[in-house]
Protein backbone atom coordinates (compact mmCIF):
# COMPACT_ATOMS: atom_id res chain seq x y z
CA MET A 1 -0.23 -0.37 -0.09
CA ARG A 2 0.99 3.23 -0.99
CA CYS A 3 1.25 6.19 1.39
CA HIS A 4 0.35 9.80 -0.03
CA GLY A 5 0.66 9.14 -3.53
CA GLY A 6 4.49 7.83 -2.68
CA PRO A 7 6.27 4.59 -1.67
CA CYS A 8 6.50 5.94 1.73
CA HIS A 9 5.66 2.86 2.98
CA CYS A 10 4.79 4.64 6.41
CA GLN A 11 8.01 5.33 7.05
CA ARG A 12 8.39 9.22 7.25
CA PHE A 13 7.95 9.39 10.96
CA HIS A 14 10.70 6.48 11.69
CA LEU A 15 13.47 7.98 9.73
CA LEU A 16 15.40 10.91 9.90
CA THR A 17 15.48 13.61 6.92
CA ARG A 18 19.30 13.46 6.00
CA ASP A 19 18.68 9.14 6.23
CA TRP A 20 15.90 8.92 3.73
CA ALA A 21 16.90 9.48 0.56
CA ALA A 22 19.70 6.50 1.38
CA VAL A 23 17.09 3.94 2.48
CA SER A 24 15.67 1.62 -0.70
CA ASP A 25 11.95 1.81 -0.66
CA ALA A 26 12.44 -2.40 -0.69
CA SER A 27 14.12 -1.50 3.03
CA LYS A 28 11.56 0.91 3.94
CA GLU A 29 9.09 -1.92 3.16
CA ALA A 30 10.35 -4.37 5.21
CA ALA A 31 10.55 -2.28 8.01
CA LEU A 32 6.91 -1.50 7.30
CA GLN A 33 6.39 -5.59 7.45
CA ALA A 34 8.10 -5.81 10.42
CA GLN A 35 6.73 -2.61 12.46
CA SER A 36 3.07 -4.65 11.32
CA ALA A 37 4.14 -7.81 12.67
CA ALA A 38 5.32 -6.48 15.88
CA GLY A 39 1.46 -5.17 16.63
CA ASN A 40 2.58 -1.32 15.42
CA GLY A 41 0.06 -0.62 12.71
CA VAL A 42 -3.67 -1.89 11.60
CA VAL A 43 -4.79 -3.08 8.55
CA ALA A 44 -8.27 -2.32 6.94
CA TYR A 45 -9.79 -5.13 4.44
CA ASP A 46 -12.35 -5.45 2.02
CA GLY A 47 -12.63 -9.77 1.95
CA ASP A 48 -9.17 -10.54 1.85
CA THR A 49 -7.81 -7.32 0.07
CA PRO A 50 -5.97 -4.99 2.47
CA VAL A 51 -7.56 -1.25 2.22
CA GLY A 52 -6.78 0.80 4.63
CA TRP A 53 -3.38 0.86 7.31
CA CYS A 54 -2.87 3.09 10.47
CA ALA A 55 0.84 3.50 12.04
CA VAL A 56 0.61 3.16 15.37
CA GLY A 57 3.33 2.72 17.63
CA PRO A 58 5.50 3.54 20.90
CA ARG A 59 6.04 7.37 20.48
CA ARG A 60 9.39 6.86 20.95
CA GLY A 61 9.91 4.10 17.93
CA PHE A 62 9.26 7.46 15.42
CA THR A 63 13.21 8.91 15.47
CA ALA A 64 12.09 11.57 13.10
CA LEU A 65 8.68 12.48 14.89
CA LEU A 66 10.92 13.08 17.91
CA GLN A 67 13.51 15.31 16.36
CA ARG A 68 10.91 17.42 15.65
CA GLN A 69 11.39 20.20 17.59
CA LEU A 70 8.16 22.18 16.16
CA LEU A 71 5.69 19.37 17.82
CA TRP A 72 7.05 19.93 21.42
CA LYS A 73 6.38 23.37 21.47
CA GLY A 74 3.53 24.32 23.88
CA ARG A 75 4.92 21.29 25.83
CA PRO A 76 8.04 22.23 27.57
CA THR A 77 7.90 19.60 30.78
CA GLU A 78 7.21 16.77 28.45
CA SER A 79 9.78 14.09 27.42
CA PRO A 80 9.24 12.55 24.08
CA ASP A 81 10.82 10.01 25.38
CA ASP A 82 8.22 8.62 27.52
CA GLY A 83 7.28 4.86 26.85
CA SER A 84 3.44 4.99 28.22
CA VAL A 85 2.75 7.23 25.25
CA TRP A 86 2.02 5.75 21.76
CA ALA A 87 1.98 7.86 18.74
CA VAL A 88 -0.52 7.58 14.99
CA THR A 89 1.30 9.02 12.44
CA CYS A 90 0.24 8.03 9.35
CA PHE A 91 -3.02 6.86 7.49
CA ALA A 92 -3.25 4.55 3.81
CA VAL A 93 -6.77 4.30 2.31
CA SER A 94 -6.95 2.78 -1.15
CA LYS A 95 -8.61 4.58 -3.79
CA GLY A 96 -12.37 3.20 -3.93
CA HIS A 97 -12.21 3.23 -0.40
CA ARG A 98 -11.95 6.45 0.71
CA LYS A 99 -15.10 8.76 2.48
CA GLN A 100 -16.08 5.60 4.44
CA GLY A 101 -15.28 5.96 7.34
CA LEU A 102 -11.94 3.98 7.39
CA THR A 103 -9.91 6.33 8.80
CA ARG A 104 -12.33 6.58 12.35
CA ALA A 105 -12.00 3.18 11.76
CA LEU A 106 -8.85 2.25 11.65
CA LEU A 107 -8.23 5.32 14.30
CA ALA A 108 -10.47 3.34 16.97
CA ALA A 109 -8.55 0.69 15.85
CA ALA A 110 -5.33 1.78 16.71
CA VAL A 111 -6.32 2.90 19.94
CA ASP A 112 -7.48 -0.42 20.97
CA VAL A 113 -4.16 -1.36 19.73
CA ALA A 114 -2.01 0.50 21.98
CA ARG A 115 -4.40 0.22 24.91
CA GLY A 116 -3.95 -3.30 24.76
CA HIS A 117 0.06 -2.56 24.63
CA GLY A 118 -0.52 -0.78 28.14
CA ALA A 119 -0.39 2.60 26.45
CA ALA A 120 -1.32 5.41 29.16
CA ARG A 121 -1.91 8.12 25.77
CA ILE A 122 -1.79 7.98 22.28
CA GLU A 123 -0.99 10.84 20.48
CA GLY A 124 -2.06 12.38 16.80
CA TYR A 125 -0.66 15.34 14.76
CA PRO A 126 -3.16 16.49 11.80
CA MET A 127 -2.94 19.12 9.77
CA LEU A 128 -4.90 21.77 9.43
CA ASN A 129 -5.60 24.21 5.91
CA SER A 130 -7.18 27.81 6.91
CA GLY A 131 -10.71 26.29 6.50
CA GLY A 132 -9.86 24.24 9.66
CA ASP A 133 -11.11 20.49 9.34
CA THR A 134 -10.22 20.21 5.70
CA VAL A 135 -7.06 18.71 4.49
CA PRO A 136 -5.25 19.23 1.63
CA TRP A 137 -5.45 15.27 -0.14
CA GLY A 138 -1.33 15.43 0.06
CA GLU A 139 -1.54 15.97 3.45
CA MET A 140 -4.71 13.54 4.66
CA HIS A 141 -2.07 10.96 5.42
CA VAL A 142 -1.84 12.42 9.10
CA GLY A 143 -5.54 12.49 9.59
CA SER A 144 -7.92 15.67 10.37
CA ARG A 145 -9.04 16.76 13.71
CA ALA A 146 -12.29 16.15 12.92
CA THR A 147 -10.85 12.17 12.72
CA PHE A 148 -9.45 12.57 15.80
CA ALA A 149 -11.99 14.58 17.94
CA ALA A 150 -14.49 11.92 17.13
CA ASN A 151 -12.39 9.42 18.40
CA GLY A 152 -11.97 10.81 21.81
CA PHE A 153 -8.71 12.86 21.24
CA LYS A 154 -8.14 16.56 22.57
CA GLU A 155 -6.51 19.00 21.62
CA VAL A 156 -2.98 19.74 23.42
CA SER A 157 -1.32 22.10 21.70
CA GLN A 158 -1.38 24.16 17.92
CA PRO A 159 2.16 24.74 17.65
CA SER A 160 2.23 26.17 14.14
CA LYS A 161 -0.69 27.62 11.98
CA ARG A 162 -1.96 24.49 10.51
CA ARG A 163 -0.55 21.41 13.05
CA LEU A 164 -2.17 20.23 16.07
CA VAL A 165 -1.37 18.02 18.67
CA MET A 166 -4.21 15.62 19.97
CA SER A 167 -3.96 13.13 23.31
CA ARG A 168 -6.30 10.47 24.43
CA LEU A 169 -5.77 9.25 27.91
CA LEU A 170 -6.49 5.32 27.78
């Protein structure tokens, strides 16, 4: 499954920008398979065909996420390495299955996965455009405010004009 039009394989928040080009698509795909096998992600199926994916796992496992200083703005006392916090970093839904509520269902499943692994809290990083909840297609991979709010997430901070940090206690 391809994330937001490219062969990301949901590794954008795992790999530092300086390392991105050096890692092959095959290596990114293998990393995704290993993360999935370890329970760090959920898949939606239409019969036997995977049609959606949500990357979720311990926040400290997302190296590039931890390096994004912007996300820590307004949260000076929080430790990025807190092992009890899980993160939802991206969604991918196949064409023909979009606009059917799969992203919300994937997020609900991600919450269950995090809870099942003993997480105390889960957070996500949706983008906003000037209209509020509408996110341009190319950025939909992080989800929308409405998707997170519908799953009980509350805004923690808005570190930039277009980025939110939303969190839910488990």
